[in-house]
Amino acid sequence: MVNYLIRRLLIGCLTLVAITAIIYALIRSMPGSPLTLQMAEVDPSKAISEQDFQQMRRMYGLHKPIHEAYLGWLGSLCRGELGRSISRKQPVTKLIAERIGPTLALSVSSLILTYLLAVPMGLYSVVRSNRPEERCLATGLYMLYSLPSYVAALLLLVLFAVRLRGTAFELPLFGMVSDGHAQLSWWGKLADIAWHMVLPVTCYTYGALAFMARFVKSNMEEVIRQDYIRTARAKGVGSFGVIVVHAFRNTLIPFVTELGLTLPGLLSGSVILEQIFTWPGIGRLFFESIAERDYPTIMGLTLMFSLMTLVFQLLADILYAVVDPRVTFQ
C-alpha cells in the first residue's frame, strides 16, 4: 500500500509539472499580453511612454523567455506562492478563496441532488425494465441529456425571470444575492442565496442526473444476470434485498470510478453557466482571466484543477479496495 502511494505521488508530481509547463507555454503564446490589453482600454491621450511600458513588463516578469518565466513560477510555487493577479492586483490565492464558496454552493448541491435522484431512478428502471413507465422514464432522460445546459439556462431565464415576472413563480435573473441582501437576517440571507441558486442548480443537475440514472441502470443490468443473483432469488430473497443488497453493492466499483471523475468538477465550476447567471464562481474567474491574459491567475486555477483531478483519481483507486476486498495494491 505504501509503495503504491509513493509511486502514484511521484507520477502525480511529474504529471503536474508536464501539465503546468504545457499550459504556461500555451497561454504565453496567445496573442496579446496583460499590459497590451490594458493599454488598449486606456484613453489615447493618457497613454504611457515606451520606456514606462518596458519598465512595467520587467516589473511583471513579462520580458523573460517562456522557459525562464515558467521556472520562476515553479520556484514561487515551491515556496507556497501562486503570485499576484496582474489585472486585479491581488494575490491569486485570495481570489481563488473568494470564488470557491459560490462554486461549491452550486456544485455540491447539484451533486447531492444528482445522486439522491439518480440512484433510485436507476434502480426503478431495472425493476420495471421494458415496461411502459420505464420506457417513458428512459425517453425523458435521453431528452434531458441531449439538451445543452446553456440552452436550458436561457429558456429557464426567459420563463421564470421574464414571462413569470411579478408572479409567485418569478426567479432571480442573475447574481448570487439581491440588492438588499446585507439588511436581511441570517436566515433571510440564506433564503436569498438559495432562491438565486434554483435556476443554476437546475441547469447543473439535469444533465448529470440523466447520465447517472442510465449509468446505474446499465451496470445493474449486467450484475443481475450473474449466477449469485439467481441463487439469491432461489433462496427466497425478496426483490428489495436482491436489487439493493446483492446487486447494487456489486456495481460500486464503476460507481466509484465515475464519482472520482466527477468530484474535480466540484471546484472547477461551469464557465458558460456562471457567465449566463453572472455567478461569482471559479468558472467565471477562469473565463475572465483568459480574456485578460492574467497569467498568474490562469496558472493558479490550472494547478488547482489538475491537482484535484489527480487527488480524486487516487482516492477512487483507494476506494476500490474498500468496496471490493478482491482488489489489492500489490
Protein backbone atom coordinates (compact mmCIF):
# COMPACT_ATOMS: atom_id res chain seq x y z
CA MET A 1 0.00 0.00 0.00
CA VAL A 2 2.78 2.43 0.96
CA ASN A 3 4.83 1.60 -2.13
CA TYR A 4 1.75 2.06 -4.31
CA LEU A 5 1.05 5.50 -2.80
CA ILE A 6 4.68 6.58 -3.25
CA ARG A 7 4.62 5.54 -6.91
CA ARG A 8 1.33 7.35 -7.52
CA LEU A 9 2.58 10.51 -5.80
CA LEU A 10 5.76 10.56 -7.88
CA ILE A 11 3.80 10.03 -11.09
CA GLY A 12 1.34 12.73 -9.99
CA CYS A 13 4.15 15.24 -9.41
CA LEU A 14 5.61 14.57 -12.87
CA THR A 15 2.14 14.89 -14.40
CA LEU A 16 1.57 18.23 -12.68
CA VAL A 17 4.89 19.57 -13.96
CA ALA A 18 4.08 18.45 -17.50
CA ILE A 19 0.54 19.93 -17.43
CA THR A 20 1.59 23.27 -15.99
CA ALA A 21 4.54 23.58 -18.37
CA ILE A 22 2.35 22.94 -21.42
CA ILE A 23 -0.38 25.32 -20.23
CA TYR A 24 2.15 28.04 -19.40
CA ALA A 25 3.69 27.77 -22.85
CA LEU A 26 0.25 27.92 -24.48
CA ILE A 27 -1.02 30.97 -22.58
CA ARG A 28 2.23 32.87 -23.15
CA SER A 29 1.86 32.11 -26.87
CA MET A 30 -1.61 33.66 -27.09
CA PRO A 31 -1.85 36.96 -28.98
CA GLY A 32 -1.58 40.00 -26.73
CA SER A 33 -0.45 40.30 -23.14
CA PRO A 34 -1.97 41.66 -19.91
CA LEU A 35 -0.37 45.04 -20.48
CA THR A 36 -1.29 45.42 -24.15
CA LEU A 37 -4.92 44.59 -23.36
CA GLN A 38 -4.96 47.12 -20.54
CA MET A 39 -3.33 49.77 -22.73
CA ALA A 40 -5.97 49.19 -25.43
CA GLU A 41 -8.68 50.34 -22.99
CA VAL A 42 -6.84 53.48 -21.88
CA ASP A 43 -7.63 56.91 -23.30
CA PRO A 44 -5.05 57.58 -26.07
CA SER A 45 -4.29 60.96 -24.52
CA LYS A 46 -3.19 59.19 -21.32
CA ALA A 47 -1.06 56.51 -22.97
CA ILE A 48 2.27 55.81 -21.27
CA SER A 49 5.63 56.07 -22.95
CA GLU A 50 7.52 53.12 -24.41
CA GLN A 51 10.07 53.36 -21.59
CA ASP A 52 7.36 53.11 -18.92
CA PHE A 53 5.77 50.24 -20.81
CA GLN A 54 9.02 48.28 -20.86
CA GLN A 55 9.52 49.01 -17.17
CA MET A 56 6.09 47.56 -16.42
CA ARG A 57 6.93 44.46 -18.46
CA ARG A 58 10.05 43.96 -16.33
CA MET A 59 8.07 44.55 -13.14
CA TYR A 60 5.62 41.76 -14.01
CA GLY A 61 8.32 39.49 -15.44
CA LEU A 62 6.83 39.59 -18.95
CA HIS A 63 10.21 40.33 -20.53
CA LYS A 64 11.59 36.90 -19.63
CA PRO A 65 11.61 33.98 -22.11
CA ILE A 66 8.86 31.41 -21.59
CA HIS A 67 11.10 28.73 -20.07
CA GLU A 68 12.75 31.16 -17.67
CA ALA A 69 9.41 32.66 -16.62
CA TYR A 70 7.97 29.17 -16.03
CA LEU A 71 10.91 28.17 -13.85
CA GLY A 72 10.36 31.36 -11.87
CA TRP A 73 6.68 30.48 -11.39
CA LEU A 74 7.64 26.94 -10.39
CA GLY A 75 10.10 28.32 -7.83
CA SER A 76 7.40 30.55 -6.34
CA LEU A 77 5.08 27.54 -6.17
CA CYS A 78 7.69 25.57 -4.22
CA ARG A 79 7.69 28.44 -1.69
CA GLY A 80 3.91 28.17 -1.42
CA GLU A 81 3.12 31.25 -3.53
CA LEU A 82 0.90 31.50 -6.60
CA GLY A 83 1.81 35.10 -7.38
CA ARG A 84 -0.38 38.19 -7.75
CA SER A 85 -3.09 38.77 -10.30
CA ILE A 86 -1.90 41.25 -12.94
CA SER A 87 -5.37 42.62 -13.72
CA ARG A 88 -6.83 42.59 -10.18
CA LYS A 89 -3.66 43.42 -8.21
CA GLN A 90 -4.49 40.80 -5.57
CA PRO A 91 -2.87 37.51 -4.51
CA VAL A 92 -4.12 34.62 -6.63
CA THR A 93 -4.78 32.55 -3.51
CA LYS A 94 -7.11 35.25 -2.20
CA LEU A 95 -9.01 35.42 -5.50
CA ILE A 96 -9.47 31.64 -5.59
CA ALA A 97 -10.56 31.55 -1.94
CA GLU A 98 -13.22 34.20 -2.63
CA ARG A 99 -14.63 32.29 -5.61
CA ILE A 100 -14.56 28.72 -4.25
CA GLY A 101 -17.54 29.24 -1.93
CA PRO A 102 -20.08 30.24 -4.63
CA THR A 103 -18.90 27.44 -6.94
CA LEU A 104 -19.12 24.83 -4.18
CA ALA A 105 -22.61 26.04 -3.27
CA LEU A 106 -23.79 25.14 -6.77
CA SER A 107 -21.73 22.04 -7.44
CA VAL A 108 -22.20 20.33 -4.07
CA SER A 109 -25.95 20.97 -4.14
CA SER A 110 -26.08 19.61 -7.67
CA LEU A 111 -24.02 16.53 -6.78
CA ILE A 112 -26.22 15.68 -3.79
CA LEU A 113 -29.40 16.11 -5.83
CA THR A 114 -27.98 14.06 -8.69
CA TYR A 115 -27.13 11.03 -6.57
CA LEU A 116 -30.25 11.25 -4.41
CA LEU A 117 -32.40 11.13 -7.55
CA ALA A 118 -30.28 9.11 -9.99
CA VAL A 119 -29.77 6.01 -7.84
CA PRO A 120 -33.49 5.42 -7.10
CA MET A 121 -34.38 6.19 -10.71
CA GLY A 122 -31.75 3.76 -11.98
CA LEU A 123 -32.89 1.02 -9.62
CA TYR A 124 -36.52 1.64 -10.51
CA SER A 125 -35.65 1.34 -14.22
CA VAL A 126 -34.07 -2.06 -13.57
CA VAL A 127 -37.05 -3.35 -11.59
CA ARG A 128 -39.57 -2.08 -14.19
CA SER A 129 -37.41 -2.86 -17.22
CA ASN A 130 -39.19 -2.92 -20.62
CA ARG A 131 -42.46 -1.70 -19.12
CA PRO A 132 -44.27 1.44 -20.33
CA GLU A 133 -43.31 3.54 -17.29
CA GLU A 134 -39.64 2.58 -17.66
CA ARG A 135 -39.73 3.44 -21.38
CA CYS A 136 -41.23 6.86 -20.60
CA LEU A 137 -38.58 7.49 -17.95
CA ALA A 138 -35.78 6.43 -20.30
CA THR A 139 -37.11 8.67 -23.09
CA GLY A 140 -37.33 11.62 -20.73
CA LEU A 141 -33.76 11.05 -19.52
CA TYR A 142 -32.44 10.84 -23.09
CA MET A 143 -34.18 14.11 -23.95
CA LEU A 144 -32.70 15.84 -20.91
CA TYR A 145 -29.22 14.52 -21.64
CA SER A 146 -29.37 15.77 -25.24
CA LEU A 147 -30.39 19.31 -24.20
CA PRO A 148 -27.31 21.58 -23.78
CA SER A 149 -27.17 23.22 -20.36
CA TYR A 150 -26.68 26.73 -21.77
CA VAL A 151 -29.82 26.37 -23.91
CA ALA A 152 -31.78 25.19 -20.87
CA ALA A 153 -30.38 28.13 -18.87
CA LEU A 154 -31.61 30.67 -21.43
CA LEU A 155 -35.02 29.02 -21.68
CA LEU A 156 -35.42 28.94 -17.90
CA LEU A 157 -34.39 32.59 -17.62
CA VAL A 158 -36.93 33.63 -20.23
CA LEU A 159 -39.65 31.63 -18.49
CA PHE A 160 -39.08 32.31 -14.80
CA ALA A 161 -37.36 35.71 -14.87
CA VAL A 162 -39.24 37.35 -17.76
CA ARG A 163 -42.53 35.61 -18.52
CA LEU A 164 -43.41 34.98 -14.87
CA ARG A 165 -42.16 38.33 -13.59
CA GLY A 166 -44.40 39.71 -10.89
CA THR A 167 -45.87 36.30 -10.01
CA ALA A 168 -45.12 33.94 -7.15
CA PHE A 169 -43.01 31.81 -9.52
CA GLU A 170 -40.59 34.59 -10.51
CA LEU A 171 -36.94 33.68 -10.00
CA PRO A 172 -33.87 35.99 -9.98
CA LEU A 173 -32.38 36.83 -13.37
CA PHE A 174 -28.72 36.91 -12.35
CA GLY A 175 -26.30 37.22 -9.45
CA MET A 176 -25.94 35.43 -6.15
CA VAL A 177 -27.73 37.87 -3.82
CA SER A 178 -30.40 40.56 -4.01
CA ASP A 179 -29.76 44.29 -3.65
CA GLY A 180 -30.94 44.40 -0.03
CA HIS A 181 -29.07 41.26 1.00
CA ALA A 182 -26.95 43.00 3.66
CA GLN A 183 -30.03 44.17 5.59
CA LEU A 184 -31.56 40.68 5.86
CA SER A 185 -31.35 38.39 8.88
CA TRP A 186 -29.12 35.31 8.84
CA TRP A 187 -32.00 33.09 7.73
CA GLY A 188 -33.10 35.73 5.27
CA LYS A 189 -29.64 35.84 3.69
CA LEU A 190 -29.59 32.04 3.44
CA ALA A 191 -33.02 32.00 1.81
CA ASP A 192 -31.99 34.79 -0.59
CA ILE A 193 -28.92 32.83 -1.75
CA ALA A 194 -30.96 29.62 -2.05
CA TRP A 195 -33.55 31.48 -4.15
CA HIS A 196 -30.83 32.65 -6.52
CA MET A 197 -29.43 29.10 -6.71
CA VAL A 198 -32.60 27.47 -8.02
CA LEU A 199 -32.02 28.03 -11.74
CA PRO A 200 -28.23 27.44 -11.79
CA VAL A 201 -28.54 24.25 -9.73
CA THR A 202 -31.29 23.01 -12.04
CA CYS A 203 -29.06 23.52 -15.07
CA TYR A 204 -26.12 21.88 -13.28
CA THR A 205 -28.18 18.86 -12.24
CA TYR A 206 -30.45 17.66 -15.03
CA GLY A 207 -27.74 16.51 -17.46
CA ALA A 208 -25.76 14.69 -14.77
CA LEU A 209 -28.99 13.19 -13.43
CA ALA A 210 -29.89 11.76 -16.82
CA PHE A 211 -26.40 10.30 -17.29
CA MET A 212 -26.08 8.83 -13.79
CA ALA A 213 -29.53 7.21 -13.86
CA ARG A 214 -28.66 5.48 -17.14
CA PHE A 215 -25.23 4.61 -15.75
CA VAL A 216 -26.73 2.91 -12.69
CA LYS A 217 -29.26 1.03 -14.83
CA SER A 218 -26.71 -0.25 -17.35
CA ASN A 219 -24.37 -1.53 -14.64
CA MET A 220 -27.22 -3.12 -12.70
CA GLU A 221 -28.44 -4.97 -15.80
CA GLU A 222 -25.04 -6.66 -16.10
CA VAL A 223 -24.97 -7.66 -12.45
CA ILE A 224 -28.49 -9.10 -12.17
CA ARG A 225 -27.60 -11.69 -14.84
CA GLN A 226 -24.89 -13.19 -12.61
CA ASP A 227 -25.26 -16.63 -11.01
CA TYR A 228 -25.21 -15.35 -7.42
CA ILE A 229 -28.26 -13.18 -8.14
CA ARG A 230 -30.20 -16.22 -9.38
CA THR A 231 -29.03 -18.11 -6.29
CA ALA A 232 -30.25 -15.34 -4.01
CA ARG A 233 -33.64 -15.36 -5.69
CA ALA A 234 -33.81 -19.17 -5.46
CA LYS A 235 -33.21 -18.90 -1.71
CA GLY A 236 -36.26 -16.68 -1.39
CA VAL A 237 -34.57 -13.28 -1.01
CA GLY A 238 -37.05 -10.51 -1.76
CA SER A 239 -36.78 -8.11 -4.67
CA PHE A 240 -35.51 -5.30 -2.44
CA GLY A 241 -32.76 -7.48 -0.99
CA VAL A 242 -31.70 -8.76 -4.40
CA ILE A 243 -31.59 -5.34 -6.04
CA VAL A 244 -30.20 -3.17 -3.25
CA VAL A 245 -28.15 -5.52 -1.05
CA HIS A 246 -26.77 -8.02 -3.56
CA ALA A 247 -26.83 -6.36 -6.99
CA PHE A 248 -26.26 -2.66 -6.27
CA ARG A 249 -23.39 -3.38 -3.89
CA ASN A 250 -21.52 -5.13 -6.68
CA THR A 251 -21.89 -2.16 -9.04
CA LEU A 252 -19.98 0.14 -6.69
CA ILE A 253 -16.62 -0.17 -8.49
CA PRO A 254 -17.76 1.57 -11.71
CA PHE A 255 -19.85 3.85 -9.48
CA VAL A 256 -16.73 4.85 -7.51
CA THR A 257 -14.84 5.38 -10.78
CA GLU A 258 -17.50 7.76 -12.02
CA LEU A 259 -17.56 9.54 -8.67
CA GLY A 260 -13.78 10.00 -8.80
CA LEU A 261 -14.09 11.64 -12.22
CA THR A 262 -16.99 13.82 -11.08
CA LEU A 263 -15.54 15.25 -7.87
CA PRO A 264 -12.89 17.50 -9.52
CA GLY A 265 -15.77 19.33 -11.18
CA LEU A 266 -16.92 20.47 -7.74
CA LEU A 267 -14.22 23.14 -7.78
CA SER A 268 -13.94 23.84 -11.49
CA GLY A 269 -17.50 25.12 -11.87
CA SER A 270 -19.04 25.80 -15.24
CA VAL A 271 -17.64 28.62 -17.34
CA ILE A 272 -20.75 29.01 -19.52
CA LEU A 273 -23.39 28.70 -16.79
CA GLU A 274 -21.58 31.03 -14.41
CA GLN A 275 -21.32 33.58 -17.20
CA ILE A 276 -25.02 33.29 -18.06
CA PHE A 277 -26.17 33.62 -14.46
CA THR A 278 -23.43 36.13 -13.53
CA TRP A 279 -22.44 33.78 -10.73
CA PRO A 280 -19.19 34.82 -8.97
CA GLY A 281 -17.54 31.41 -9.09
CA ILE A 282 -14.33 29.75 -10.21
CA GLY A 283 -15.55 29.10 -13.76
CA ARG A 284 -16.30 32.77 -14.33
CA LEU A 285 -12.92 33.76 -12.83
CA PHE A 286 -11.20 31.37 -15.25
CA PHE A 287 -13.04 32.87 -18.22
CA GLU A 288 -12.22 36.44 -17.16
CA SER A 289 -8.57 35.56 -16.52
CA ILE A 290 -8.16 34.10 -20.00
CA ALA A 291 -9.79 37.15 -21.57
CA GLU A 292 -7.47 39.44 -19.58
CA ARG A 293 -4.36 37.28 -20.21
CA ASP A 294 -3.89 37.18 -16.42
CA TYR A 295 -1.12 34.58 -16.42
CA PRO A 296 -0.71 34.08 -12.63
CA THR A 297 -4.45 33.53 -12.12
CA ILE A 298 -4.71 31.14 -15.08
CA MET A 299 -1.78 29.11 -13.77
CA GLY A 300 -3.17 29.06 -10.22
CA LEU A 301 -6.53 27.76 -11.44
CA THR A 302 -4.90 25.23 -13.78
CA LEU A 303 -2.80 23.93 -10.92
CA MET A 304 -5.86 23.61 -8.70
CA PHE A 305 -7.91 21.77 -11.35
CA SER A 306 -5.06 19.39 -12.19
CA LEU A 307 -4.23 18.70 -8.56
CA MET A 308 -7.85 17.97 -7.65
CA THR A 309 -8.22 15.62 -10.62
CA LEU A 310 -5.14 13.62 -9.62
CA VAL A 311 -6.10 13.53 -5.93
CA PHE A 312 -9.65 12.33 -6.58
CA GLN A 313 -8.49 9.70 -9.06
CA LEU A 314 -6.10 8.39 -6.42
CA LEU A 315 -8.93 8.44 -3.89
CA ALA A 316 -11.12 6.45 -6.30
CA ASP A 317 -8.36 3.84 -6.70
CA ILE A 318 -8.06 3.51 -2.92
CA LEU A 319 -11.83 3.16 -2.55
CA TYR A 320 -11.74 0.18 -4.94
CA ALA A 321 -10.17 -1.86 -2.15
CA VAL A 322 -12.85 -0.68 0.25
CA VAL A 323 -15.83 -1.69 -1.89
CA ASP A 324 -14.22 -4.86 -3.29
CA PRO A 325 -11.92 -6.90 -0.99
CA ARG A 326 -10.57 -8.74 -4.04
CA VAL A 327 -8.70 -5.59 -5.13
CA THR A 328 -5.19 -5.27 -3.75
CA PHE A 329 -2.34 -2.81 -4.29
CA GLN A 330 0.36 -5.41 -4.82
